[in-house]
């Protein structure tokens, strides 16, 4: 949680750079955006043939299957974590009552 002594507006708090991860990842974001723009320009200008464009396309099937698997894993993990927390809460309540 970010705790600030001064009262900032929402936009000012969003744009504050001290203690933020943004300066560390900003070059990576710009490099990815530049790569995407170059790829779009190459495809739309016709420098790449249709066979190259077809070879560059990806299907979303594996990403969908991976997303489902990760969501199931995280769901079970969250359930186990909550069960452990609840058991610890019960034991702590028993210790306090005694």
Protein backbone atom coordinates (compact mmCIF):
# COMPACT_ATOMS: atom_id res chain seq x y z
CA UNK A 1 0.00 0.00 0.00
CA UNK A 2 1.27 3.46 -0.87
CA UNK A 3 1.06 5.86 2.07
CA UNK A 4 1.81 9.50 1.29
CA UNK A 5 2.03 12.29 3.82
CA UNK A 6 0.79 14.97 1.43
CA UNK A 7 -2.59 14.82 -0.17
CA UNK A 8 -2.25 14.24 -3.89
CA UNK A 9 -4.92 14.06 -6.49
CA UNK A 10 -5.49 10.80 -8.34
CA UNK A 11 -3.51 11.88 -11.41
CA UNK A 12 -0.60 13.24 -9.36
CA UNK A 13 -0.41 10.00 -7.38
CA UNK A 14 -0.53 8.04 -10.63
CA UNK A 15 2.36 10.01 -12.12
CA UNK A 16 4.70 10.10 -9.11
CA UNK A 17 8.03 8.44 -9.98
CA UNK A 18 9.72 8.20 -6.58
CA UNK A 19 9.52 4.60 -5.38
CA UNK A 20 7.83 3.47 -8.59
CA UNK A 21 8.73 0.59 -10.89
CA UNK A 22 7.92 2.68 -13.96
CA UNK A 23 11.45 4.10 -14.54
CA UNK A 24 12.88 0.57 -14.51
CA UNK A 25 10.44 -0.89 -17.04
CA UNK A 26 9.89 2.17 -19.26
CA UNK A 27 12.74 1.32 -21.71
CA UNK A 28 11.31 -2.19 -22.15
CA UNK A 29 7.85 -0.79 -22.84
CA UNK A 30 9.19 1.64 -25.43
CA UNK A 31 11.27 -1.10 -27.10
CA UNK A 32 8.23 -3.39 -27.34
CA UNK A 33 6.07 -0.59 -28.73
CA UNK A 34 8.76 0.30 -31.29
CA UNK A 35 9.05 -3.32 -32.37
CA UNK A 36 5.28 -3.52 -32.81
CA UNK A 37 5.19 -0.32 -34.88
CA UNK A 38 8.04 -1.54 -37.11
CA UNK A 39 6.30 -4.89 -37.63
CA UNK A 40 3.01 -3.19 -38.52
CA UNK A 41 4.75 -0.85 -40.95
CA UNK A 42 6.56 -3.76 -42.62
CA UNK A 43 3.36 -5.76 -43.02
CA UNK A 44 1.19 -2.89 -44.26
CA UNK A 45 3.80 -1.53 -46.66
CA UNK A 46 4.16 -4.89 -48.39
CA UNK A 47 7.81 -5.58 -47.58
CA UNK A 48 6.81 -8.93 -46.15
CA UNK A 49 5.16 -11.48 -48.41
CA UNK A 50 1.89 -13.16 -47.46
CA UNK A 51 3.70 -16.43 -46.69
CA UNK A 52 5.88 -14.59 -44.16
CA UNK A 53 2.83 -12.95 -42.60
CA UNK A 54 1.08 -16.34 -42.40
CA UNK A 55 4.18 -17.83 -40.75
CA UNK A 56 4.18 -15.03 -38.15
CA UNK A 57 0.56 -15.52 -37.10
CA UNK A 58 -0.08 -17.46 -33.93
CA UNK A 59 -3.10 -19.33 -32.68
CA UNK A 60 -4.57 -18.55 -29.31
CA UNK A 61 -5.39 -22.16 -28.43
CA UNK A 62 -2.25 -22.88 -26.37
CA UNK A 63 -2.59 -19.57 -24.52
CA UNK A 64 -6.21 -20.36 -23.70
CA UNK A 65 -5.33 -23.82 -22.38
CA UNK A 66 -2.48 -22.39 -20.32
CA UNK A 67 -4.78 -19.70 -18.91
CA UNK A 68 -7.36 -22.30 -17.86
CA UNK A 69 -4.68 -24.45 -16.23
CA UNK A 70 -3.19 -21.49 -14.34
CA UNK A 71 -6.62 -20.32 -13.16
CA UNK A 72 -7.46 -23.79 -11.82
CA UNK A 73 -4.09 -24.03 -10.09
CA UNK A 74 -4.47 -20.60 -8.50
CA UNK A 75 -8.03 -21.39 -7.44
CA UNK A 76 -6.97 -24.54 -5.61
CA UNK A 77 -3.95 -22.78 -4.13
CA UNK A 78 -6.12 -19.93 -2.86
CA UNK A 79 -8.56 -22.41 -1.32
CA UNK A 80 -5.73 -24.26 0.47
CA UNK A 81 -4.27 -20.99 1.74
CA UNK A 82 -7.62 -19.87 3.09
CA UNK A 83 -8.11 -23.24 4.80
CA UNK A 84 -4.74 -22.92 6.51
CA UNK A 85 -5.52 -19.37 7.60
CA UNK A 86 -8.89 -20.44 9.00
CA UNK A 87 -7.34 -23.35 10.91
CA UNK A 88 -4.70 -21.02 12.37
CA UNK A 89 -7.45 -18.59 13.37
CA UNK A 90 -9.29 -21.39 15.19
CA UNK A 91 -6.15 -22.49 17.02
CA UNK A 92 -5.32 -18.89 17.96
CA UNK A 93 -8.85 -18.43 19.30
CA UNK A 94 -8.47 -21.55 21.42
CA UNK A 95 -5.17 -20.26 22.82
CA UNK A 96 -6.67 -16.86 23.68
CA UNK A 97 -9.71 -18.36 25.42
CA UNK A 98 -7.57 -20.60 27.62
